[in-house]
PDB file of N, CA and C in Angstrom:
ATOM      1  N   MET A   1       0.825  -1.192   0.000  1.00  0.00           N
ATOM      2  CA  MET A   1       0.000   0.000   0.000  1.00  0.00           C
ATOM      3  C   MET A   1       0.870   1.257   0.000  1.00  0.00           C
ATOM      4  N   ALA A   2       1.952   1.233   0.753  1.00  0.00           N
ATOM      5  CA  ALA A   2       2.844   2.401   0.819  1.00  0.00           C
ATOM      6  C   ALA A   2       3.459   2.681  -0.552  1.00  0.00           C
ATOM      7  N   ASN A   3       3.817   1.633  -1.279  1.00  0.00           N
ATOM      8  CA  ASN A   3       4.393   1.831  -2.613  1.00  0.00           C
ATOM      9  C   ASN A   3       3.393   2.486  -3.550  1.00  0.00           C
ATOM     10  N   TYR A   4       2.123   2.084  -3.452  1.00  0.00           N
ATOM     11  CA  TYR A   4       1.074   2.664  -4.288  1.00  0.00           C
ATOM     12  C   TYR A   4       0.899   4.144  -3.951  1.00  0.00           C
ATOM     13  N   GLU A   5       0.883   4.472  -2.663  1.00  0.00           N
ATOM     14  CA  GLU A   5       0.756   5.874  -2.243  1.00  0.00           C
ATOM     15  C   GLU A   5       1.970   6.679  -2.686  1.00  0.00           C
ATOM     16  N   ASP A   6       3.150   6.084  -2.621  1.00  0.00           N
ATOM     17  CA  ASP A   6       4.360   6.754  -3.112  1.00  0.00           C
ATOM     18  C   ASP A   6       4.246   7.039  -4.605  1.00  0.00           C
ATOM     19  N   LEU A   7       3.718   6.071  -5.347  1.00  0.00           N
ATOM     20  CA  LEU A   7       3.532   6.244  -6.783  1.00  0.00           C
ATOM     21  C   LEU A   7       2.550   7.383  -7.057  1.00  0.00           C
ATOM     22  N   LEU A   8       1.451   7.415  -6.323  1.00  0.00           N
ATOM     23  CA  LEU A   8       0.467   8.486  -6.505  1.00  0.00           C
ATOM     24  C   LEU A   8       1.071   9.852  -6.211  1.00  0.00           C
ATOM     25  N   ARG A   9       1.834   9.963  -5.135  1.00  0.00           N
ATOM     26  CA  ARG A   9       2.490  11.234  -4.800  1.00  0.00           C
ATOM     27  C   ARG A   9       3.483  11.637  -5.886  1.00  0.00           C
ATOM     28  N   LYS A  10       4.219  10.670  -6.379  1.00  0.00           N
ATOM     29  CA  LYS A  10       5.201  10.948  -7.425  1.00  0.00           C
ATOM     30  C   LYS A  10       4.520  11.435  -8.700  1.00  0.00           C
ATOM     31  N   VAL A  11       3.431  10.789  -9.087  1.00  0.00           N
ATOM     32  CA  VAL A  11       2.694  11.178 -10.290  1.00  0.00           C
ATOM     33  C   VAL A  11       2.105  12.576 -10.116  1.00  0.00           C
ATOM     34  N   GLN A  12       1.548  12.848  -8.940  1.00  0.00           N
ATOM     35  CA  GLN A  12       0.997  14.178  -8.677  1.00  0.00           C
ATOM     36  C   GLN A  12       2.080  15.239  -8.783  1.00  0.00           C
ATOM     37  N   LEU A  13       3.215  14.980  -8.192  1.00  0.00           N
ATOM     38  CA  LEU A  13       4.328  15.927  -8.249  1.00  0.00           C
ATOM     39  C   LEU A  13       4.818  16.117  -9.680  1.00  0.00           C
ATOM     40  N   MET A  14       4.893  15.033 -10.445  1.00  0.00           N
ATOM     41  CA  MET A  14       5.314  15.139 -11.842  1.00  0.00           C
ATOM     42  C   MET A  14       4.336  16.005 -12.629  1.00  0.00           C
ATOM     43  N   GLY A  15       3.034  15.828 -12.391  1.00  0.00           N
ATOM     44  CA  GLY A  15       2.027  16.628 -13.073  1.00  0.00           C
ATOM     45  C   GLY A  15       2.139  18.097 -12.718  1.00  0.00           C
ATOM     46  N   GLN A  16       2.302  18.381 -11.448  1.00  0.00           N
ATOM     47  CA  GLN A  16       2.450  19.767 -11.008  1.00  0.00           C
ATOM     48  C   GLN A  16       3.700  20.388 -11.615  1.00  0.00           C
ATOM     49  N   THR A  17       4.782  19.673 -11.573  1.00  0.00           N
ATOM     50  CA  THR A  17       6.050  20.184 -12.073  1.00  0.00           C
ATOM     51  C   THR A  17       6.005  20.417 -13.577  1.00  0.00           C
ATOM     52  N   THR A  18       5.347  19.525 -14.290  1.00  0.00           N
ATOM     53  CA  THR A  18       5.295  19.615 -15.746  1.00  0.00           C
ATOM     54  C   THR A  18       4.644  20.906 -16.216  1.00  0.00           C
ATOM     55  N   PHE A  19       3.550  21.298 -15.591  1.00  0.00           N
ATOM     56  CA  PHE A  19       2.781  22.444 -16.069  1.00  0.00           C
ATOM     57  C   PHE A  19       2.987  23.720 -15.266  1.00  0.00           C
ATOM     58  N   LYS A  20       3.557  23.625 -14.091  1.00  0.00           N
ATOM     59  CA  LYS A  20       3.637  24.769 -13.178  1.00  0.00           C
ATOM     60  C   LYS A  20       4.316  25.984 -13.805  1.00  0.00           C
ATOM     61  N   ASP A  21       5.509  25.816 -14.306  1.00  0.00           N
ATOM     62  CA  ASP A  21       6.266  26.958 -14.838  1.00  0.00           C
ATOM     63  C   ASP A  21       5.579  27.590 -16.037  1.00  0.00           C
ATOM     64  N   ALA A  22       5.089  26.748 -16.949  1.00  0.00           N
ATOM     65  CA  ALA A  22       4.423  27.279 -18.151  1.00  0.00           C
ATOM     66  C   ALA A  22       3.152  28.031 -17.776  1.00  0.00           C
ATOM     67  N   LEU A  23       2.388  27.481 -16.856  1.00  0.00           N
ATOM     68  CA  LEU A  23       1.141  28.117 -16.447  1.00  0.00           C
ATOM     69  C   LEU A  23       1.421  29.405 -15.676  1.00  0.00           C
ATOM     70  N   LYS A  24       2.392  29.350 -14.806  1.00  0.00           N
ATOM     71  CA  LYS A  24       2.754  30.518 -13.997  1.00  0.00           C
ATOM     72  C   LYS A  24       3.226  31.675 -14.869  1.00  0.00           C
ATOM     73  N   ALA A  25       3.941  31.380 -15.920  1.00  0.00           N
ATOM     74  CA  ALA A  25       4.535  32.416 -16.770  1.00  0.00           C
ATOM     75  C   ALA A  25       3.584  32.990 -17.810  1.00  0.00           C
ATOM     76  N   ASP A  26       2.424  32.375 -18.004  1.00  0.00           N
ATOM     77  CA  ASP A  26       1.513  32.809 -19.062  1.00  0.00           C
ATOM     78  C   ASP A  26       0.601  33.935 -18.572  1.00  0.00           C
ATOM     79  N   SER A  27       1.114  35.152 -18.628  1.00  0.00           N
ATOM     80  CA  SER A  27       0.355  36.302 -18.112  1.00  0.00           C
ATOM     81  C   SER A  27      -0.922  36.549 -18.922  1.00  0.00           C
ATOM     82  N   THR A  28      -0.917  36.235 -20.205  1.00  0.00           N
ATOM     83  CA  THR A  28      -2.113  36.414 -21.030  1.00  0.00           C
ATOM     84  C   THR A  28      -3.254  35.534 -20.516  1.00  0.00           C
ATOM     85  N   PHE A  29      -2.941  34.298 -20.196  1.00  0.00           N
ATOM     86  CA  PHE A  29      -3.948  33.386 -19.654  1.00  0.00           C
ATOM     87  C   PHE A  29      -4.574  33.975 -18.397  1.00  0.00           C
ATOM     88  N   TRP A  30      -3.731  34.445 -17.479  1.00  0.00           N
ATOM     89  CA  TRP A  30      -4.236  34.987 -16.211  1.00  0.00           C
ATOM     90  C   TRP A  30      -5.043  36.274 -16.434  1.00  0.00           C
ATOM     91  N   GLN A  31      -4.589  37.107 -17.342  1.00  0.00           N
ATOM     92  CA  GLN A  31      -5.341  38.328 -17.652  1.00  0.00           C
ATOM     93  C   GLN A  31      -6.705  37.995 -18.237  1.00  0.00           C
ATOM     94  N   ASP A  32      -6.729  37.022 -19.138  1.00  0.00           N
ATOM     95  CA  ASP A  32      -8.003  36.608 -19.741  1.00  0.00           C
ATOM     96  C   ASP A  32      -8.968  36.080 -18.677  1.00  0.00           C
ATOM     97  N   CYS A  33      -8.448  35.297 -17.745  1.00  0.00           N
ATOM     98  CA  CYS A  33      -9.301  34.758 -16.679  1.00  0.00           C
ATOM     99  C   CYS A  33      -9.794  35.883 -15.766  1.00  0.00           C
ATOM    100  N   MET A  34      -8.899  36.796 -15.402  1.00  0.00           N
ATOM    101  CA  MET A  34      -9.299  37.909 -14.529  1.00  0.00           C
ATOM    102  C   MET A  34     -10.314  38.822 -15.210  1.00  0.00           C
ATOM    103  N   ALA A  35     -10.210  38.965 -16.515  1.00  0.00           N
ATOM    104  CA  ALA A  35     -11.132  39.830 -17.252  1.00  0.00           C
ATOM    105  C   ALA A  35     -12.562  39.287 -17.243  1.00  0.00           C
ATOM    106  N   GLU A  36     -12.720  38.019 -16.918  1.00  0.00           N
ATOM    107  CA  GLU A  36     -14.054  37.420 -16.876  1.00  0.00           C
ATOM    108  C   GLU A  36     -14.834  37.850 -15.635  1.00  0.00           C
ATOM    109  N   TRP A  37     -14.113  38.288 -14.592  1.00  0.00           N
ATOM    110  CA  TRP A  37     -14.781  38.683 -13.351  1.00  0.00           C
ATOM    111  C   TRP A  37     -15.677  39.896 -13.607  1.00  0.00           C
ATOM    112  N   GLY A  38     -16.901  39.799 -13.144  1.00  0.00           N
ATOM    113  CA  GLY A  38     -17.838  40.900 -13.289  1.00  0.00           C
ATOM    114  C   GLY A  38     -18.557  40.936 -14.627  1.00  0.00           C
ATOM    115  N   GLN A  39     -18.365  39.930 -15.459  1.00  0.00           N
ATOM    116  CA  GLN A  39     -18.988  39.904 -16.779  1.00  0.00           C
ATOM    117  C   GLN A  39     -20.352  39.222 -16.774  1.00  0.00           C
ATOM    118  N   GLY A  40     -20.849  38.921 -15.587  1.00  0.00           N
ATOM    119  CA  GLY A  40     -22.180  38.346 -15.486  1.00  0.00           C
ATOM    120  C   GLY A  40     -22.156  36.832 -15.347  1.00  0.00           C
ATOM    121  N   PRO A  41     -23.338  36.238 -15.431  1.00  0.00           N
ATOM    122  CA  PRO A  41     -23.460  34.789 -15.270  1.00  0.00           C
ATOM    123  C   PRO A  41     -22.585  34.035 -16.281  1.00  0.00           C
ATOM    124  N   GLY A  42     -22.118  32.875 -15.831  1.00  0.00           N
ATOM    125  CA  GLY A  42     -21.295  32.046 -16.703  1.00  0.00           C
ATOM    126  C   GLY A  42     -19.808  32.193 -16.454  1.00  0.00           C
ATOM    127  N   TYR A  43     -19.447  32.912 -15.377  1.00  0.00           N
ATOM    128  CA  TYR A  43     -18.034  33.144 -15.059  1.00  0.00           C
ATOM    129  C   TYR A  43     -17.246  31.834 -15.015  1.00  0.00           C
ATOM    130  N   LYS A  44     -17.750  30.857 -14.242  1.00  0.00           N
ATOM    131  CA  LYS A  44     -17.023  29.592 -14.108  1.00  0.00           C
ATOM    132  C   LYS A  44     -16.841  28.908 -15.450  1.00  0.00           C
ATOM    133  N   ASN A  45     -17.859  28.915 -16.275  1.00  0.00           N
ATOM    134  CA  ASN A  45     -17.764  28.263 -17.583  1.00  0.00           C
ATOM    135  C   ASN A  45     -16.760  28.970 -18.489  1.00  0.00           C
ATOM    136  N   ARG A  46     -16.735  30.296 -18.435  1.00  0.00           N
ATOM    137  CA  ARG A  46     -15.784  31.040 -19.275  1.00  0.00           C
ATOM    138  C   ARG A  46     -14.350  30.791 -18.823  1.00  0.00           C
ATOM    139  N   VAL A  47     -14.122  30.799 -17.515  1.00  0.00           N
ATOM    140  CA  VAL A  47     -12.770  30.527 -16.999  1.00  0.00           C
ATOM    141  C   VAL A  47     -12.381  29.085 -17.309  1.00  0.00           C
ATOM    142  N   ALA A  48     -13.323  28.155 -17.160  1.00  0.00           N
ATOM    143  CA  ALA A  48     -13.042  26.752 -17.503  1.00  0.00           C
ATOM    144  C   ALA A  48     -12.690  26.640 -18.983  1.00  0.00           C
ATOM    145  N   GLY A  49     -13.343  27.442 -19.826  1.00  0.00           N
ATOM    146  CA  GLY A  49     -13.019  27.449 -21.259  1.00  0.00           C
ATOM    147  C   GLY A  49     -11.599  27.926 -21.511  1.00  0.00           C
ATOM    148  N   HIS A  50     -11.174  28.952 -20.785  1.00  0.00           N
ATOM    149  CA  HIS A  50      -9.789  29.427 -20.921  1.00  0.00           C
ATOM    150  C   HIS A  50      -8.811  28.317 -20.520  1.00  0.00           C
ATOM    151  N   ASN A  51      -9.159  27.592 -19.452  1.00  0.00           N
ATOM    152  CA  ASN A  51      -8.306  26.479 -19.015  1.00  0.00           C
ATOM    153  C   ASN A  51      -8.242  25.393 -20.078  1.00  0.00           C
ATOM    154  N   ARG A  52      -9.397  25.034 -20.634  1.00  0.00           N
ATOM    155  CA  ARG A  52      -9.414  24.007 -21.695  1.00  0.00           C
ATOM    156  C   ARG A  52      -8.558  24.442 -22.873  1.00  0.00           C
ATOM    157  N   ASP A  53      -8.735  25.697 -23.278  1.00  0.00           N
ATOM    158  CA  ASP A  53      -7.945  26.210 -24.401  1.00  0.00           C
ATOM    159  C   ASP A  53      -6.458  26.166 -24.093  1.00  0.00           C
ATOM    160  N   TRP A  54      -6.100  26.534 -22.870  1.00  0.00           N
ATOM    161  CA  TRP A  54      -4.686  26.561 -22.482  1.00  0.00           C
ATOM    162  C   TRP A  54      -4.089  25.158 -22.559  1.00  0.00           C
ATOM    163  N   PHE A  55      -4.797  24.184 -21.990  1.00  0.00           N
ATOM    164  CA  PHE A  55      -4.279  22.813 -21.977  1.00  0.00           C
ATOM    165  C   PHE A  55      -4.372  22.141 -23.336  1.00  0.00           C
ATOM    166  N   ASP A  56      -5.263  22.603 -24.213  1.00  0.00           N
ATOM    167  CA  ASP A  56      -5.388  22.023 -25.550  1.00  0.00           C
ATOM    168  C   ASP A  56      -4.359  22.571 -26.530  1.00  0.00           C
ATOM    169  N   ASN A  57      -3.634  23.586 -26.125  1.00  0.00           N
ATOM    170  CA  ASN A  57      -2.589  24.163 -26.964  1.00  0.00           C
ATOM    171  C   ASN A  57      -1.568  23.082 -27.319  1.00  0.00           C
ATOM    172  N   GLU A  58      -1.051  23.128 -28.526  1.00  0.00           N
ATOM    173  CA  GLU A  58      -0.133  22.085 -28.998  1.00  0.00           C
ATOM    174  C   GLU A  58       1.082  21.906 -28.095  1.00  0.00           C
ATOM    175  N   ALA A  59       1.651  23.012 -27.606  1.00  0.00           N
ATOM    176  CA  ALA A  59       2.831  22.923 -26.735  1.00  0.00           C
ATOM    177  C   ALA A  59       2.494  22.185 -25.445  1.00  0.00           C
ATOM    178  N   ARG A  60       1.319  22.444 -24.883  1.00  0.00           N
ATOM    179  CA  ARG A  60       0.911  21.764 -23.654  1.00  0.00           C
ATOM    180  C   ARG A  60       0.560  20.309 -23.919  1.00  0.00           C
ATOM    181  N   ARG A  61       0.022  20.032 -25.083  1.00  0.00           N
ATOM    182  CA  ARG A  61      -0.272  18.627 -25.407  1.00  0.00           C
ATOM    183  C   ARG A  61       1.022  17.827 -25.464  1.00  0.00           C
ATOM    184  N   LYS A  62       2.088  18.452 -25.953  1.00  0.00           N
ATOM    185  CA  LYS A  62       3.377  17.759 -25.980  1.00  0.00           C
ATOM    186  C   LYS A  62       3.863  17.494 -24.553  1.00  0.00           C
ATOM    187  N   LEU A  63       3.719  18.483 -23.667  1.00  0.00           N
ATOM    188  CA  LEU A  63       4.080  18.277 -22.266  1.00  0.00           C
ATOM    189  C   LEU A  63       3.251  17.155 -21.649  1.00  0.00           C
ATOM    190  N   GLU A  64       1.968  17.123 -21.993  1.00  0.00           N
ATOM    191  CA  GLU A  64       1.096  16.080 -21.471  1.00  0.00           C
ATOM    192  C   GLU A  64       1.529  14.706 -21.965  1.00  0.00           C
ATOM    193  N   GLU A  65       1.916  14.625 -23.229  1.00  0.00           N
ATOM    194  CA  GLU A  65       2.395  13.334 -23.771  1.00  0.00           C
ATOM    195  C   GLU A  65       3.646  12.872 -23.026  1.00  0.00           C
ATOM    196  N   GLU A  66       4.553  13.813 -22.761  1.00  0.00           N
ATOM    197  CA  GLU A  66       5.771  13.476 -22.020  1.00  0.00           C
ATOM    198  C   GLU A  66       5.422  13.019 -20.603  1.00  0.00           C
ATOM    199  N   LEU A  67       4.458  13.697 -19.992  1.00  0.00           N
ATOM    200  CA  LEU A  67       4.023  13.322 -18.651  1.00  0.00           C
ATOM    201  C   LEU A  67       3.415  11.921 -18.659  1.00  0.00           C
ATOM    202  N   LYS A  68       2.588  11.635 -19.641  1.00  0.00           N
ATOM    203  CA  LYS A  68       1.984  10.301 -19.739  1.00  0.00           C
ATOM    204  C   LYS A  68       3.056   9.230 -19.906  1.00  0.00           C
ATOM    205  N   ALA A  69       4.096   9.534 -20.670  1.00  0.00           N
ATOM    206  CA  ALA A  69       5.189   8.571 -20.847  1.00  0.00           C
ATOM    207  C   ALA A  69       5.905   8.331 -19.515  1.00  0.00           C
ATOM    208  N   LEU A  70       6.141   9.407 -18.750  1.00  0.00           N
ATOM    209  CA  LEU A  70       6.773   9.263 -17.431  1.00  0.00           C
ATOM    210  C   LEU A  70       5.898   8.429 -16.503  1.00  0.00           C
ATOM    211  N   ILE A  71       4.608   8.707 -16.513  1.00  0.00           N
ATOM    212  CA  ILE A  71       3.685   7.947 -15.668  1.00  0.00           C
ATOM    213  C   ILE A  71       3.675   6.485 -16.082  1.00  0.00           C
ATOM    214  N   GLY A  72       3.686   6.234 -17.376  1.00  0.00           N
ATOM    215  CA  GLY A  72       3.727   4.853 -17.867  1.00  0.00           C
ATOM    216  C   GLY A  72       4.959   4.115 -17.393  1.00  0.00           C
ATOM    217  N   ARG A  73       6.100   4.782 -17.444  1.00  0.00           N
ATOM    218  CA  ARG A  73       7.342   4.147 -16.963  1.00  0.00           C
ATOM    219  C   ARG A  73       7.282   3.860 -15.469  1.00  0.00           C
ATOM    220  N   GLU A  74       6.761   4.821 -14.692  1.00  0.00           N
ATOM    221  CA  GLU A  74       6.648   4.624 -13.241  1.00  0.00           C
ATOM    222  C   GLU A  74       5.674   3.492 -12.918  1.00  0.00           C
ATOM    223  N   TRP A  75       4.573   3.428 -13.656  1.00  0.00           N
ATOM    224  CA  TRP A  75       3.597   2.368 -13.442  1.00  0.00           C
ATOM    225  C   TRP A  75       4.210   1.008 -13.758  1.00  0.00           C
ATOM    226  N   THR A  76       4.969   0.935 -14.844  1.00  0.00           N
ATOM    227  CA  THR A  76       5.636  -0.313 -15.212  1.00  0.00           C
ATOM    228  C   THR A  76       6.595  -0.746 -14.105  1.00  0.00           C
ATOM    229  N   ARG A  77       7.350   0.201 -13.561  1.00  0.00           N
ATOM    230  CA  ARG A  77       8.265  -0.122 -12.449  1.00  0.00           C
ATOM    231  C   ARG A  77       7.497  -0.649 -11.242  1.00  0.00           C
ATOM    232  N   ALA A  78       6.376   0.002 -10.919  1.00  0.00           N
ATOM    233  CA  ALA A  78       5.580  -0.423  -9.768  1.00  0.00           C
ATOM    234  C   ALA A  78       5.041  -1.831  -9.988  1.00  0.00           C
ATOM    235  N   LEU A  79       4.537  -2.117 -11.180  1.00  0.00           N
ATOM    236  CA  LEU A  79       4.027  -3.454 -11.481  1.00  0.00           C
ATOM    237  C   LEU A  79       5.142  -4.496 -11.425  1.00  0.00           C
ATOM    238  N   GLN A  80       6.317  -4.119 -11.896  1.00  0.00           N
ATOM    239  CA  GLN A  80       7.454  -5.041 -11.843  1.00  0.00           C
ATOM    240  C   GLN A  80       7.808  -5.369 -10.395  1.00  0.00           C
ATOM    241  N   SER A  81       7.761  -4.376  -9.521  1.00  0.00           N
ATOM    242  CA  SER A  81       8.047  -4.604  -8.098  1.00  0.00           C
ATOM    243  C   SER A  81       7.048  -5.574  -7.492  1.00  0.00           C
ATOM    244  N   VAL A  82       5.770  -5.396  -7.817  1.00  0.00           N
ATOM    245  CA  VAL A  82       4.731  -6.285  -7.302  1.00  0.00           C
ATOM    246  C   VAL A  82       4.924  -7.690  -7.860  1.00  0.00           C
ATOM    247  N   THR A  83       5.226  -7.794  -9.128  1.00  0.00           N
ATOM    248  CA  THR A  83       5.450  -9.102  -9.755  1.00  0.00           C
ATOM    249  C   THR A  83       6.611  -9.835  -9.092  1.00  0.00           C
ATOM    250  N   GLU A  84       7.674  -9.099  -8.825  1.00  0.00           N
ATOM    251  CA  GLU A  84       8.834  -9.728  -8.175  1.00  0.00           C
ATOM    252  C   GLU A  84       8.493 -10.222  -6.777  1.00  0.00           C
ATOM    253  N   LEU A  85       7.626  -9.516  -6.078  1.00  0.00           N
ATOM    254  CA  LEU A  85       7.214  -9.952  -4.750  1.00  0.00           C
ATOM    255  C   LEU A  85       6.357 -11.204  -4.808  1.00  0.00           C
ATOM    256  N   LEU A  86       5.542 -11.329  -5.844  1.00  0.00           N
ATOM    257  CA  LEU A  86       4.602 -12.431  -5.945  1.00  0.00           C
ATOM    258  C   LEU A  86       5.179 -13.691  -6.599  1.00  0.00           C
ATOM    259  N   GLU A  87       6.231 -13.526  -7.390  1.00  0.00           N
ATOM    260  CA  GLU A  87       6.822 -14.693  -8.058  1.00  0.00           C
ATOM    261  C   GLU A  87       7.683 -15.477  -7.082  1.00  0.00           C
ATOM    262  N   PRO A  88       7.586 -16.777  -7.156  1.00  0.00           N
ATOM    263  CA  PRO A  88       8.448 -17.593  -6.279  1.00  0.00           C
ATOM    264  C   PRO A  88       9.912 -17.444  -6.680  1.00  0.00           C
ATOM    265  N   ALA A  89      10.772 -17.492  -5.689  1.00  0.00           N
ATOM    266  CA  ALA A  89      12.217 -17.377  -5.957  1.00  0.00           C
ATOM    267  C   ALA A  89      12.682 -18.582  -6.757  1.00  0.00           C
ATOM    268  N   ALA A  90      13.528 -18.337  -7.753  1.00  0.00           N
ATOM    269  CA  ALA A  90      13.992 -19.429  -8.624  1.00  0.00           C
ATOM    270  C   ALA A  90      15.160 -20.142  -8.024  1.00  0.00           C
TER     271      ALA A  90
END
């Protein structure tokens, strides 16, 4: 169970790290989101749309693909560890 929780923490950290700098540095994104305040009903949907657009950008999709590859490798390692524990010693 501890290994699974470690894997989850690692994946969460990898996800945060992957997008943090790009998201933090994108002042246009933040300005667009802030400009939605006070524009009437639908604020959450408009801000969610900005988020979708940001993550759907080709550069971010590439980051997401790299993140998925990292997660896949970590998952494979975790499964290998479990397999080694369950297989009888030769």
